[in-house]
Amino acid sequence: MSASEITYESMTGRQKVALMMMSLDVDVAARIFQEIDPTDVEAIAIEIANLRGVGGEIIDRVAEEFYQLMTGQEFMVEGGMEYALALLEKTFGMDKAREIMERIKVLTTVRGFDILKQADSQQLANFLAKEHPQVIALILSHLTPEQTADVLEEFDEDLRTDVLMRIASLGKVSPQLVTEIESVVDKIAEATISQNLAMTGGAQLVANILNKSTNAQAKLLLESIETKSQDLAGEIKNLMFLFEDVVLIDDKGIQRLLRDVSKQDLALALKVSDDKLRQKIFKNMSERAAAVIREELEFMGPVKLKDVESAQMRIVEVIKRLEESEEITISGRGGTEDVFV
């Protein structure tokens, strides 16, 4: 779906989260990513890569919805559903308060229904056919009538009739059934994310965010995205830089880089690096300077992994600055010979 086709009403939950992340400073977005489950980060990153040129009115509406939901959840934590509803009514009025609470109920029970609206009907039917008719009925009841009709068309007559009767008589849902439904929805949503990915300018923002993430997290997310879309992962790789990519810089560039990197950061960054990368660095230093770094590595005691990753990120920042000013050149970016270890 292109930006011109996106409306506030048609946006999925993940698209709204992606839009909120896109409106934040890159450093802030990166810190948020570090606190989110990698699977969710992967899904949001894919949505970011596919969103481009969304109008300011839609951004404002998404921000307002986010504010309302955060306010409602805060009230709910303070005093439960009734207390939250009472405070929301005073803040937003009765109709808006009930609407917000309904959204919160969905977010805190059965997740992922929005993204199922993107699924192909035949694919969705294939997933659901293996589930209990009651599970199928509740899931389909959250989709549009048109999509539900298309899915039902894929079932045999007996299952179709059974599911329709259950939809017609849906009542309260037990916690056990909600848990089962969450599991089914998550599986379908995960498969749906991999469909119809388009590479757009949003890949640059994902690359910027991953560049601000730790080296380990960036590699993990790239590997996850690559399992779903090699093209999209390749586009993101081409726009970002990992510490291991130092081997792609020519000798003259390494020598220029070393003038702006502190010896302490260099030693820390090389603590967990392989011999190939170390040799690339050492051969572009004087024998005396290389000997100092080798000695420091040899006698360096245990260090925190986050300190090593922070040093690597600082060096990557220097590399990006030097590349932008055209003082160094990075060869082989995004090609089939890129090395990620």
C-alpha atoms as a PDB file:
ATOM      1  CA  MET A   1       0.000   0.000   0.000  1.00  0.00           C
ATOM      2  CA  SER A   2       1.544   3.317  -1.065  1.00  0.00           C
ATOM      3  CA  ALA A   3       1.453   6.421   1.117  1.00  0.00           C
ATOM      4  CA  SER A   4      -1.252   7.939  -1.081  1.00  0.00           C
ATOM      5  CA  GLU A   5      -3.491   4.950  -0.335  1.00  0.00           C
ATOM      6  CA  ILE A   6      -2.978   4.990   3.432  1.00  0.00           C
ATOM      7  CA  THR A   7      -5.746   6.420   5.581  1.00  0.00           C
ATOM      8  CA  TYR A   8      -5.990   6.634   9.345  1.00  0.00           C
ATOM      9  CA  GLU A   9      -8.946   4.234   9.298  1.00  0.00           C
ATOM     10  CA  SER A  10      -7.075   1.629   7.227  1.00  0.00           C
ATOM     11  CA  MET A  11      -3.874   1.656   9.287  1.00  0.00           C
ATOM     12  CA  THR A  12      -2.989  -1.423  11.311  1.00  0.00           C
ATOM     13  CA  GLY A  13      -1.762  -1.309  14.883  1.00  0.00           C
ATOM     14  CA  ARG A  14       1.817  -2.020  13.824  1.00  0.00           C
ATOM     15  CA  GLN A  15       1.696   0.695  11.170  1.00  0.00           C
ATOM     16  CA  LYS A  16       0.626   3.198  13.830  1.00  0.00           C
ATOM     17  CA  VAL A  17       3.475   2.118  16.108  1.00  0.00           C
ATOM     18  CA  ALA A  18       5.875   2.423  13.170  1.00  0.00           C
ATOM     19  CA  LEU A  19       4.579   5.921  12.423  1.00  0.00           C
ATOM     20  CA  MET A  20       5.073   6.963  16.043  1.00  0.00           C
ATOM     21  CA  MET A  21       8.659   5.632  15.950  1.00  0.00           C
ATOM     22  CA  MET A  22       9.301   7.528  12.713  1.00  0.00           C
ATOM     23  CA  SER A  23       8.194  10.773  14.353  1.00  0.00           C
ATOM     24  CA  LEU A  24      10.737  10.382  17.165  1.00  0.00           C
ATOM     25  CA  ASP A  25      14.393  11.366  17.228  1.00  0.00           C
ATOM     26  CA  VAL A  26      16.547   8.466  15.995  1.00  0.00           C
ATOM     27  CA  ASP A  27      18.373   8.186  19.337  1.00  0.00           C
ATOM     28  CA  VAL A  28      15.063   7.973  21.222  1.00  0.00           C
ATOM     29  CA  ALA A  29      13.684   5.395  18.770  1.00  0.00           C
ATOM     30  CA  ALA A  30      16.828   3.296  19.146  1.00  0.00           C
ATOM     31  CA  ARG A  31      16.512   3.312  22.959  1.00  0.00           C
ATOM     32  CA  ILE A  32      12.881   2.213  22.682  1.00  0.00           C
ATOM     33  CA  PHE A  33      13.871  -0.597  20.312  1.00  0.00           C
ATOM     34  CA  GLN A  34      16.351  -1.846  22.907  1.00  0.00           C
ATOM     35  CA  GLU A  35      13.489  -2.325  25.391  1.00  0.00           C
ATOM     36  CA  ILE A  36      11.178  -4.212  22.988  1.00  0.00           C
ATOM     37  CA  ASP A  37      11.128  -7.917  22.203  1.00  0.00           C
ATOM     38  CA  PRO A  38      13.289  -8.556  19.076  1.00  0.00           C
ATOM     39  CA  THR A  39      10.368 -10.192  17.259  1.00  0.00           C
ATOM     40  CA  ASP A  40       8.252  -7.057  17.728  1.00  0.00           C
ATOM     41  CA  VAL A  41      11.167  -4.813  16.737  1.00  0.00           C
ATOM     42  CA  GLU A  42      11.536  -6.818  13.530  1.00  0.00           C
ATOM     43  CA  ALA A  43       7.850  -6.416  12.682  1.00  0.00           C
ATOM     44  CA  ILE A  44       7.896  -2.675  13.429  1.00  0.00           C
ATOM     45  CA  ALA A  45      11.103  -2.198  11.417  1.00  0.00           C
ATOM     46  CA  ILE A  46       9.469  -3.818   8.391  1.00  0.00           C
ATOM     47  CA  GLU A  47       6.486  -1.485   8.699  1.00  0.00           C
ATOM     48  CA  ILE A  48       8.809   1.533   8.983  1.00  0.00           C
ATOM     49  CA  ALA A  49      10.568   0.424   5.812  1.00  0.00           C
ATOM     50  CA  ASN A  50       7.232   0.374   4.003  1.00  0.00           C
ATOM     51  CA  LEU A  51       5.885   3.730   5.248  1.00  0.00           C
ATOM     52  CA  ARG A  52       6.868   6.862   3.386  1.00  0.00           C
ATOM     53  CA  GLY A  53       5.364  10.266   2.827  1.00  0.00           C
ATOM     54  CA  VAL A  54       2.449   9.876   5.277  1.00  0.00           C
ATOM     55  CA  GLY A  55       0.514  13.122   5.664  1.00  0.00           C
ATOM     56  CA  GLY A  56       0.755  15.306   8.768  1.00  0.00           C
ATOM     57  CA  GLU A  57      -2.963  14.934   9.533  1.00  0.00           C
ATOM     58  CA  ILE A  58      -2.607  11.159   9.844  1.00  0.00           C
ATOM     59  CA  ILE A  59       0.488  11.555  12.034  1.00  0.00           C
ATOM     60  CA  ASP A  60      -1.422  13.938  14.335  1.00  0.00           C
ATOM     61  CA  ARG A  61      -4.349  11.503  14.646  1.00  0.00           C
ATOM     62  CA  VAL A  62      -2.051   8.590  15.450  1.00  0.00           C
ATOM     63  CA  ALA A  63      -0.241  10.693  18.060  1.00  0.00           C
ATOM     64  CA  GLU A  64      -3.584  11.661  19.621  1.00  0.00           C
ATOM     65  CA  GLU A  65      -4.694   8.021  19.711  1.00  0.00           C
ATOM     66  CA  PHE A  66      -1.398   7.044  21.333  1.00  0.00           C
ATOM     67  CA  TYR A  67      -1.860   9.741  23.970  1.00  0.00           C
ATOM     68  CA  GLN A  68      -5.402   8.604  24.707  1.00  0.00           C
ATOM     69  CA  LEU A  69      -4.396   4.953  25.030  1.00  0.00           C
ATOM     70  CA  MET A  70      -1.432   5.790  27.287  1.00  0.00           C
ATOM     71  CA  THR A  71      -3.690   7.931  29.460  1.00  0.00           C
ATOM     72  CA  GLY A  72      -6.327   5.177  29.648  1.00  0.00           C
ATOM     73  CA  GLN A  73      -3.787   2.481  30.530  1.00  0.00           C
ATOM     74  CA  GLU A  74      -2.258   4.710  33.210  1.00  0.00           C
ATOM     75  CA  PHE A  75      -5.689   5.259  34.758  1.00  0.00           C
ATOM     76  CA  MET A  76      -6.411   1.527  34.573  1.00  0.00           C
ATOM     77  CA  VAL A  77      -3.174   0.638  36.382  1.00  0.00           C
ATOM     78  CA  GLU A  78      -3.999   3.167  39.100  1.00  0.00           C
ATOM     79  CA  GLY A  79      -7.474   1.906  39.878  1.00  0.00           C
ATOM     80  CA  GLY A  80      -8.853  -0.699  37.502  1.00  0.00           C
ATOM     81  CA  MET A  81     -11.272  -0.572  34.563  1.00  0.00           C
ATOM     82  CA  GLU A  82     -14.133   1.301  36.280  1.00  0.00           C
ATOM     83  CA  TYR A  83     -11.781   3.926  37.705  1.00  0.00           C
ATOM     84  CA  ALA A  84     -10.130   4.358  34.297  1.00  0.00           C
ATOM     85  CA  LEU A  85     -13.495   4.723  32.564  1.00  0.00           C
ATOM     86  CA  ALA A  86     -14.623   7.379  35.096  1.00  0.00           C
ATOM     87  CA  LEU A  87     -11.460   9.459  34.621  1.00  0.00           C
ATOM     88  CA  LEU A  88     -11.550   9.086  30.845  1.00  0.00           C
ATOM     89  CA  GLU A  89     -15.170  10.281  30.774  1.00  0.00           C
ATOM     90  CA  LYS A  90     -14.113  13.451  32.621  1.00  0.00           C
ATOM     91  CA  THR A  91     -11.170  13.928  30.264  1.00  0.00           C
ATOM     92  CA  PHE A  92     -12.606  13.009  26.867  1.00  0.00           C
ATOM     93  CA  GLY A  93     -16.353  12.613  27.322  1.00  0.00           C
ATOM     94  CA  MET A  94     -18.467   9.454  27.601  1.00  0.00           C
ATOM     95  CA  ASP A  95     -18.400   8.291  23.959  1.00  0.00           C
ATOM     96  CA  LYS A  96     -14.660   8.764  23.494  1.00  0.00           C
ATOM     97  CA  ALA A  97     -13.949   7.181  26.885  1.00  0.00           C
ATOM     98  CA  ARG A  98     -15.871   4.018  26.012  1.00  0.00           C
ATOM     99  CA  GLU A  99     -14.125   3.869  22.639  1.00  0.00           C
ATOM    100  CA  ILE A 100     -10.701   4.141  24.308  1.00  0.00           C
ATOM    101  CA  MET A 101     -11.547   1.445  26.852  1.00  0.00           C
ATOM    102  CA  GLU A 102     -12.705  -0.910  24.111  1.00  0.00           C
ATOM    103  CA  ARG A 103      -9.369  -0.449  22.356  1.00  0.00           C
ATOM    104  CA  ILE A 104      -7.472  -1.100  25.564  1.00  0.00           C
ATOM    105  CA  LYS A 105      -9.486  -4.283  26.177  1.00  0.00           C
ATOM    106  CA  VAL A 106      -8.529  -5.570  22.738  1.00  0.00           C
ATOM    107  CA  LEU A 107      -4.880  -4.615  23.228  1.00  0.00           C
ATOM    108  CA  THR A 108      -4.728  -6.383  26.582  1.00  0.00           C
ATOM    109  CA  THR A 109      -6.528  -9.565  25.514  1.00  0.00           C
ATOM    110  CA  VAL A 110      -6.533 -10.723  21.910  1.00  0.00           C
ATOM    111  CA  ARG A 111      -3.670  -9.092  19.987  1.00  0.00           C
ATOM    112  CA  GLY A 112      -2.848  -8.876  16.340  1.00  0.00           C
ATOM    113  CA  PHE A 113      -6.326  -8.796  14.757  1.00  0.00           C
ATOM    114  CA  ASP A 114      -5.471  -5.636  12.818  1.00  0.00           C
ATOM    115  CA  ILE A 115      -2.619  -7.250  10.972  1.00  0.00           C
ATOM    116  CA  LEU A 116      -4.815 -10.199   9.965  1.00  0.00           C
ATOM    117  CA  LYS A 117      -6.800  -7.793   7.809  1.00  0.00           C
ATOM    118  CA  GLN A 118      -3.756  -7.727   5.522  1.00  0.00           C
ATOM    119  CA  ALA A 119      -3.679 -11.507   5.141  1.00  0.00           C
ATOM    120  CA  ASP A 120      -4.665 -13.292   1.959  1.00  0.00           C
ATOM    121  CA  SER A 121      -8.033 -15.012   2.486  1.00  0.00           C
ATOM    122  CA  GLN A 122      -6.841 -18.368   1.184  1.00  0.00           C
ATOM    123  CA  GLN A 123      -3.738 -18.234   3.356  1.00  0.00           C
ATOM    124  CA  LEU A 124      -5.823 -17.270   6.380  1.00  0.00           C
ATOM    125  CA  ALA A 125      -8.278 -20.104   5.697  1.00  0.00           C
ATOM    126  CA  ASN A 126      -5.425 -22.617   5.484  1.00  0.00           C
ATOM    127  CA  PHE A 127      -4.182 -21.536   8.915  1.00  0.00           C
ATOM    128  CA  LEU A 128      -7.609 -21.480  10.545  1.00  0.00           C
ATOM    129  CA  ALA A 129      -8.866 -24.782   9.122  1.00  0.00           C
ATOM    130  CA  LYS A 130      -6.687 -26.622  11.639  1.00  0.00           C
ATOM    131  CA  GLU A 131      -8.172 -24.790  14.627  1.00  0.00           C
ATOM    132  CA  HIS A 132     -11.268 -25.429  16.745  1.00  0.00           C
ATOM    133  CA  PRO A 133     -14.436 -23.912  15.192  1.00  0.00           C
ATOM    134  CA  GLN A 134     -14.938 -21.715  18.271  1.00  0.00           C
ATOM    135  CA  VAL A 135     -11.446 -20.232  17.820  1.00  0.00           C
ATOM    136  CA  ILE A 136     -12.159 -19.668  14.116  1.00  0.00           C
ATOM    137  CA  ALA A 137     -15.479 -17.996  14.926  1.00  0.00           C
ATOM    138  CA  LEU A 138     -13.967 -15.521  17.389  1.00  0.00           C
ATOM    139  CA  ILE A 139     -11.099 -14.605  15.059  1.00  0.00           C
ATOM    140  CA  LEU A 140     -13.384 -14.103  12.070  1.00  0.00           C
ATOM    141  CA  SER A 141     -15.750 -11.983  14.137  1.00  0.00           C
ATOM    142  CA  HIS A 142     -12.973  -9.366  14.397  1.00  0.00           C
ATOM    143  CA  LEU A 143     -12.439  -9.129  10.626  1.00  0.00           C
ATOM    144  CA  THR A 144     -14.459  -7.241   8.051  1.00  0.00           C
ATOM    145  CA  PRO A 145     -17.616  -8.977   6.753  1.00  0.00           C
ATOM    146  CA  GLU A 146     -16.056  -9.095   3.277  1.00  0.00           C
ATOM    147  CA  GLN A 147     -12.895 -10.827   4.476  1.00  0.00           C
ATOM    148  CA  THR A 148     -14.870 -13.212   6.680  1.00  0.00           C
ATOM    149  CA  ALA A 149     -17.035 -14.179   3.696  1.00  0.00           C
ATOM    150  CA  ASP A 150     -13.953 -14.818   1.562  1.00  0.00           C
ATOM    151  CA  VAL A 151     -12.388 -17.000   4.249  1.00  0.00           C
ATOM    152  CA  LEU A 152     -15.587 -18.977   4.798  1.00  0.00           C
ATOM    153  CA  GLU A 153     -15.765 -19.620   1.059  1.00  0.00           C
ATOM    154  CA  GLU A 154     -12.533 -21.601   1.393  1.00  0.00           C
ATOM    155  CA  PHE A 155     -13.986 -23.967   4.037  1.00  0.00           C
ATOM    156  CA  ASP A 156     -16.020 -27.081   3.326  1.00  0.00           C
ATOM    157  CA  GLU A 157     -19.764 -26.755   3.884  1.00  0.00           C
ATOM    158  CA  ASP A 158     -19.867 -28.445   7.305  1.00  0.00           C
ATOM    159  CA  LEU A 159     -17.128 -26.269   8.796  1.00  0.00           C
ATOM    160  CA  ARG A 160     -18.608 -23.152   7.198  1.00  0.00           C
ATOM    161  CA  THR A 161     -22.014 -23.825   8.754  1.00  0.00           C
ATOM    162  CA  ASP A 162     -20.538 -24.657  12.158  1.00  0.00           C
ATOM    163  CA  VAL A 163     -18.449 -21.475  12.248  1.00  0.00           C
ATOM    164  CA  LEU A 164     -21.361 -19.282  11.155  1.00  0.00           C
ATOM    165  CA  MET A 165     -23.569 -20.692  13.896  1.00  0.00           C
ATOM    166  CA  ARG A 166     -20.849 -20.029  16.475  1.00  0.00           C
ATOM    167  CA  ILE A 167     -20.351 -16.466  15.244  1.00  0.00           C
ATOM    168  CA  ALA A 168     -24.092 -15.885  15.581  1.00  0.00           C
ATOM    169  CA  SER A 169     -24.086 -17.086  19.193  1.00  0.00           C
ATOM    170  CA  LEU A 170     -20.794 -15.631  20.480  1.00  0.00           C
ATOM    171  CA  GLY A 171     -20.909 -14.717  24.141  1.00  0.00           C
ATOM    172  CA  LYS A 172     -18.306 -14.251  26.850  1.00  0.00           C
ATOM    173  CA  VAL A 173     -14.885 -15.719  26.095  1.00  0.00           C
ATOM    174  CA  SER A 174     -13.009 -17.746  28.711  1.00  0.00           C
ATOM    175  CA  PRO A 175      -9.405 -16.747  29.617  1.00  0.00           C
ATOM    176  CA  GLN A 176      -8.207 -20.157  28.386  1.00  0.00           C
ATOM    177  CA  LEU A 177      -9.758 -19.565  24.974  1.00  0.00           C
ATOM    178  CA  VAL A 178      -8.295 -16.052  24.813  1.00  0.00           C
ATOM    179  CA  THR A 179      -4.806 -17.512  25.398  1.00  0.00           C
ATOM    180  CA  GLU A 180      -5.340 -20.072  22.642  1.00  0.00           C
ATOM    181  CA  ILE A 181      -6.615 -17.404  20.255  1.00  0.00           C
ATOM    182  CA  GLU A 182      -3.615 -15.158  21.003  1.00  0.00           C
ATOM    183  CA  SER A 183      -1.294 -18.006  20.036  1.00  0.00           C
ATOM    184  CA  VAL A 184      -3.125 -18.641  16.747  1.00  0.00           C
ATOM    185  CA  VAL A 185      -3.320 -14.944  15.862  1.00  0.00           C
ATOM    186  CA  ASP A 186       0.383 -14.435  16.570  1.00  0.00           C
ATOM    187  CA  LYS A 187       1.320 -17.322  14.268  1.00  0.00           C
ATOM    188  CA  ILE A 188      -0.861 -16.012  11.447  1.00  0.00           C
ATOM    189  CA  ALA A 189       0.358 -12.443  11.955  1.00  0.00           C
ATOM    190  CA  GLU A 190       3.996 -13.546  11.820  1.00  0.00           C
ATOM    191  CA  ALA A 191       3.394 -15.255   8.485  1.00  0.00           C
ATOM    192  CA  THR A 192       1.398 -12.298   7.163  1.00  0.00           C
ATOM    193  CA  ILE A 193       4.234  -9.836   7.853  1.00  0.00           C
ATOM    194  CA  SER A 194       6.382 -11.636   5.294  1.00  0.00           C
ATOM    195  CA  GLN A 195       3.882 -11.025   2.486  1.00  0.00           C
ATOM    196  CA  ASN A 196       3.935  -8.186  -0.036  1.00  0.00           C
ATOM    197  CA  LEU A 197       6.979  -6.333   1.324  1.00  0.00           C
ATOM    198  CA  ALA A 198       8.010  -3.328  -0.729  1.00  0.00           C
ATOM    199  CA  MET A 199      11.354  -1.564  -0.471  1.00  0.00           C
ATOM    200  CA  THR A 200      10.905   2.177   0.016  1.00  0.00           C
ATOM    201  CA  GLY A 201      12.757   5.071   1.559  1.00  0.00           C
ATOM    202  CA  GLY A 202      11.747   3.843   5.008  1.00  0.00           C
ATOM    203  CA  ALA A 203      14.666   1.406   4.821  1.00  0.00           C
ATOM    204  CA  GLN A 204      16.963   4.371   5.473  1.00  0.00           C
ATOM    205  CA  LEU A 205      15.228   5.102   8.792  1.00  0.00           C
ATOM    206  CA  VAL A 206      15.498   1.436   9.823  1.00  0.00           C
ATOM    207  CA  ALA A 207      19.199   1.541   8.963  1.00  0.00           C
ATOM    208  CA  ASN A 208      19.645   4.728  11.012  1.00  0.00           C
ATOM    209  CA  ILE A 209      17.886   3.172  14.012  1.00  0.00           C
ATOM    210  CA  LEU A 210      19.913  -0.047  13.794  1.00  0.00           C
ATOM    211  CA  ASN A 211      23.103   2.000  13.550  1.00  0.00           C
ATOM    212  CA  LYS A 212      22.137   3.488  16.917  1.00  0.00           C
ATOM    213  CA  SER A 213      21.452   0.027  18.378  1.00  0.00           C
ATOM    214  CA  THR A 214      24.059  -2.303  19.836  1.00  0.00           C
ATOM    215  CA  ASN A 215      26.061  -4.325  17.360  1.00  0.00           C
ATOM    216  CA  ALA A 216      24.593  -7.612  18.617  1.00  0.00           C
ATOM    217  CA  GLN A 217      21.005  -6.372  18.417  1.00  0.00           C
ATOM    218  CA  ALA A 218      21.493  -4.937  14.925  1.00  0.00           C
ATOM    219  CA  LYS A 219      22.886  -8.227  13.620  1.00  0.00           C
ATOM    220  CA  LEU A 220      20.093 -10.231  15.243  1.00  0.00           C
ATOM    221  CA  LEU A 221      17.396  -8.037  13.726  1.00  0.00           C
ATOM    222  CA  LEU A 222      19.001  -8.076  10.289  1.00  0.00           C
ATOM    223  CA  GLU A 223      19.159 -11.875  10.377  1.00  0.00           C
ATOM    224  CA  SER A 224      15.482 -12.023  11.384  1.00  0.00           C
ATOM    225  CA  ILE A 225      14.412  -9.637   8.621  1.00  0.00           C
ATOM    226  CA  GLU A 226      16.505 -11.596   6.122  1.00  0.00           C
ATOM    227  CA  THR A 227      14.527 -14.781   6.833  1.00  0.00           C
ATOM    228  CA  LYS A 228      11.391 -12.956   5.705  1.00  0.00           C
ATOM    229  CA  SER A 229      12.749 -10.789   2.891  1.00  0.00           C
ATOM    230  CA  GLN A 230      16.320 -11.037   1.629  1.00  0.00           C
ATOM    231  CA  ASP A 231      15.771  -8.043  -0.652  1.00  0.00           C
ATOM    232  CA  LEU A 232      14.611  -5.794   2.195  1.00  0.00           C
ATOM    233  CA  ALA A 233      17.463  -6.966   4.453  1.00  0.00           C
ATOM    234  CA  GLY A 234      19.928  -6.275   1.649  1.00  0.00           C
ATOM    235  CA  GLU A 235      18.530  -2.774   1.176  1.00  0.00           C
ATOM    236  CA  ILE A 236      18.880  -2.039   4.896  1.00  0.00           C
ATOM    237  CA  LYS A 237      22.401  -3.507   5.026  1.00  0.00           C
ATOM    238  CA  ASN A 238      23.379  -1.295   2.121  1.00  0.00           C
ATOM    239  CA  LEU A 239      22.291   1.769   4.087  1.00  0.00           C
ATOM    240  CA  MET A 240      23.904   0.957   7.414  1.00  0.00           C
ATOM    241  CA  PHE A 241      27.263  -0.024   8.846  1.00  0.00           C
ATOM    242  CA  LEU A 242      28.193  -2.595  11.477  1.00  0.00           C
ATOM    243  CA  PHE A 243      31.509  -2.608  13.334  1.00  0.00           C
ATOM    244  CA  GLU A 244      32.534  -5.808  11.523  1.00  0.00           C
ATOM    245  CA  ASP A 245      32.270  -3.868   8.235  1.00  0.00           C
ATOM    246  CA  VAL A 246      35.547  -2.138   9.128  1.00  0.00           C
ATOM    247  CA  VAL A 247      37.142  -4.817   6.929  1.00  0.00           C
ATOM    248  CA  LEU A 248      35.419  -3.157   3.944  1.00  0.00           C
ATOM    249  CA  ILE A 249      37.380   0.088   4.408  1.00  0.00           C
ATOM    250  CA  ASP A 250      40.570   0.423   2.370  1.00  0.00           C
ATOM    251  CA  ASP A 251      43.942   0.822   4.079  1.00  0.00           C
ATOM    252  CA  LYS A 252      44.091   4.559   3.503  1.00  0.00           C
ATOM    253  CA  GLY A 253      40.645   4.905   5.078  1.00  0.00           C
ATOM    254  CA  ILE A 254      41.667   2.828   8.124  1.00  0.00           C
ATOM    255  CA  GLN A 255      44.676   5.079   8.637  1.00  0.00           C
ATOM    256  CA  ARG A 256      42.414   8.142   8.478  1.00  0.00           C
ATOM    257  CA  LEU A 257      39.944   6.542  10.883  1.00  0.00           C
ATOM    258  CA  LEU A 258      42.611   5.735  13.468  1.00  0.00           C
ATOM    259  CA  ARG A 259      43.511   9.430  13.764  1.00  0.00           C
ATOM    260  CA  ASP A 260      40.036  10.144  15.201  1.00  0.00           C
ATOM    261  CA  VAL A 261      39.568   7.077  17.403  1.00  0.00           C
ATOM    262  CA  SER A 262      40.835   6.909  20.976  1.00  0.00           C
ATOM    263  CA  LYS A 263      43.187   4.063  21.848  1.00  0.00           C
ATOM    264  CA  GLN A 264      40.913   3.099  24.755  1.00  0.00           C
ATOM    265  CA  ASP A 265      37.866   2.770  22.462  1.00  0.00           C
ATOM    266  CA  LEU A 266      39.907   0.820  19.914  1.00  0.00           C
ATOM    267  CA  ALA A 267      41.147  -1.704  22.479  1.00  0.00           C
ATOM    268  CA  LEU A 268      37.658  -2.172  23.922  1.00  0.00           C
ATOM    269  CA  ALA A 269      36.094  -2.531  20.469  1.00  0.00           C
ATOM    270  CA  LEU A 270      38.611  -5.193  19.439  1.00  0.00           C
ATOM    271  CA  LYS A 271      38.032  -7.214  22.634  1.00  0.00           C
ATOM    272  CA  VAL A 272      35.512  -9.551  20.920  1.00  0.00           C
ATOM    273  CA  SER A 273      36.579  -9.066  17.290  1.00  0.00           C
ATOM    274  CA  ASP A 274      37.999 -11.818  15.110  1.00  0.00           C
ATOM    275  CA  ASP A 275      41.610 -12.047  13.859  1.00  0.00           C
ATOM    276  CA  LYS A 276      40.707 -10.820  10.360  1.00  0.00           C
ATOM    277  CA  LEU A 277      39.414  -7.496  11.677  1.00  0.00           C
ATOM    278  CA  ARG A 278      42.260  -7.126  14.160  1.00  0.00           C
ATOM    279  CA  GLN A 279      44.876  -7.705  11.468  1.00  0.00           C
ATOM    280  CA  LYS A 280      43.141  -5.128   9.249  1.00  0.00           C
ATOM    281  CA  ILE A 281      43.620  -2.580  12.029  1.00  0.00           C
ATOM    282  CA  PHE A 282      47.119  -3.591  13.127  1.00  0.00           C
ATOM    283  CA  LYS A 283      48.639  -3.523   9.648  1.00  0.00           C
ATOM    284  CA  ASN A 284      47.616   0.112   9.306  1.00  0.00           C
ATOM    285  CA  MET A 285      49.249   1.181  12.589  1.00  0.00           C
ATOM    286  CA  SER A 286      52.858   1.719  13.434  1.00  0.00           C
ATOM    287  CA  GLU A 287      54.553  -1.324  14.962  1.00  0.00           C
ATOM    288  CA  ARG A 288      54.819   0.478  18.275  1.00  0.00           C
ATOM    289  CA  ALA A 289      51.143   1.519  18.348  1.00  0.00           C
ATOM    290  CA  ALA A 290      50.006  -1.972  17.328  1.00  0.00           C
ATOM    291  CA  ALA A 291      52.173  -3.500  20.055  1.00  0.00           C
ATOM    292  CA  VAL A 292      50.554  -1.225  22.651  1.00  0.00           C
ATOM    293  CA  ILE A 293      47.029  -2.281  21.620  1.00  0.00           C
ATOM    294  CA  ARG A 294      48.019  -5.979  21.520  1.00  0.00           C
ATOM    295  CA  GLU A 295      49.501  -5.717  25.001  1.00  0.00           C
ATOM    296  CA  GLU A 296      46.420  -3.938  26.318  1.00  0.00           C
ATOM    297  CA  LEU A 297      44.188  -6.677  24.843  1.00  0.00           C
ATOM    298  CA  GLU A 298      46.373  -9.390  26.324  1.00  0.00           C
ATOM    299  CA  PHE A 299      46.250  -8.009  29.844  1.00  0.00           C
ATOM    300  CA  MET A 300      42.716  -6.596  29.711  1.00  0.00           C
ATOM    301  CA  GLY A 301      40.570  -8.265  32.332  1.00  0.00           C
ATOM    302  CA  PRO A 302      36.868  -9.061  32.025  1.00  0.00           C
ATOM    303  CA  VAL A 303      34.865  -6.100  30.727  1.00  0.00           C
ATOM    304  CA  LYS A 304      31.151  -5.522  30.403  1.00  0.00           C
ATOM    305  CA  LEU A 305      29.760  -6.421  26.992  1.00  0.00           C
ATOM    306  CA  LYS A 306      27.784  -3.147  26.938  1.00  0.00           C
ATOM    307  CA  ASP A 307      31.075  -1.237  27.317  1.00  0.00           C
ATOM    308  CA  VAL A 308      32.541  -3.098  24.335  1.00  0.00           C
ATOM    309  CA  GLU A 309      29.431  -2.420  22.249  1.00  0.00           C
ATOM    310  CA  SER A 310      29.431   1.257  23.257  1.00  0.00           C
ATOM    311  CA  ALA A 311      33.037   1.596  22.096  1.00  0.00           C
ATOM    312  CA  GLN A 312      32.163  -0.084  18.800  1.00  0.00           C
ATOM    313  CA  MET A 313      29.181   2.260  18.320  1.00  0.00           C
ATOM    314  CA  ARG A 314      31.399   5.312  18.926  1.00  0.00           C
ATOM    315  CA  ILE A 315      33.828   4.105  16.277  1.00  0.00           C
ATOM    316  CA  VAL A 316      30.943   3.480  13.851  1.00  0.00           C
ATOM    317  CA  GLU A 317      29.802   7.071  14.445  1.00  0.00           C
ATOM    318  CA  VAL A 318      33.271   8.283  13.445  1.00  0.00           C
ATOM    319  CA  ILE A 319      33.177   6.078  10.323  1.00  0.00           C
ATOM    320  CA  LYS A 320      29.786   7.447   9.286  1.00  0.00           C
ATOM    321  CA  ARG A 321      31.004  11.024   9.769  1.00  0.00           C
ATOM    322  CA  LEU A 322      34.143  10.416   7.709  1.00  0.00           C
ATOM    323  CA  GLU A 323      32.158   8.661   4.989  1.00  0.00           C
ATOM    324  CA  GLU A 324      29.683  11.562   4.768  1.00  0.00           C
ATOM    325  CA  SER A 325      32.578  14.019   4.414  1.00  0.00           C
ATOM    326  CA  GLU A 326      34.068  11.694   1.741  1.00  0.00           C
ATOM    327  CA  GLU A 327      37.296  11.262   3.706  1.00  0.00           C
ATOM    328  CA  ILE A 328      37.011   7.466   3.606  1.00  0.00           C
ATOM    329  CA  THR A 329      35.465   4.995   1.166  1.00  0.00           C
ATOM    330  CA  ILE A 330      33.626   1.805   2.101  1.00  0.00           C
ATOM    331  CA  SER A 331      33.717  -0.820  -0.637  1.00  0.00           C
ATOM    332  CA  GLY A 332      31.291  -3.684  -1.252  1.00  0.00           C
ATOM    333  CA  ARG A 333      28.369  -2.135   0.685  1.00  0.00           C
ATOM    334  CA  GLY A 334      25.193  -4.221   0.367  1.00  0.00           C
ATOM    335  CA  GLY A 335      26.678  -6.700  -2.097  1.00  0.00           C
ATOM    336  CA  THR A 336      26.763 -10.460  -1.963  1.00  0.00           C
ATOM    337  CA  GLU A 337      30.289 -10.375  -0.552  1.00  0.00           C
ATOM    338  CA  ASP A 338      29.348  -8.409   2.582  1.00  0.00           C
ATOM    339  CA  VAL A 339      30.687 -10.078   5.676  1.00  0.00           C
ATOM    340  CA  PHE A 340      28.512 -10.303   8.821  1.00  0.00           C
ATOM    341  CA  VAL A 341      29.997 -12.438  11.602  1.00  0.00           C
END
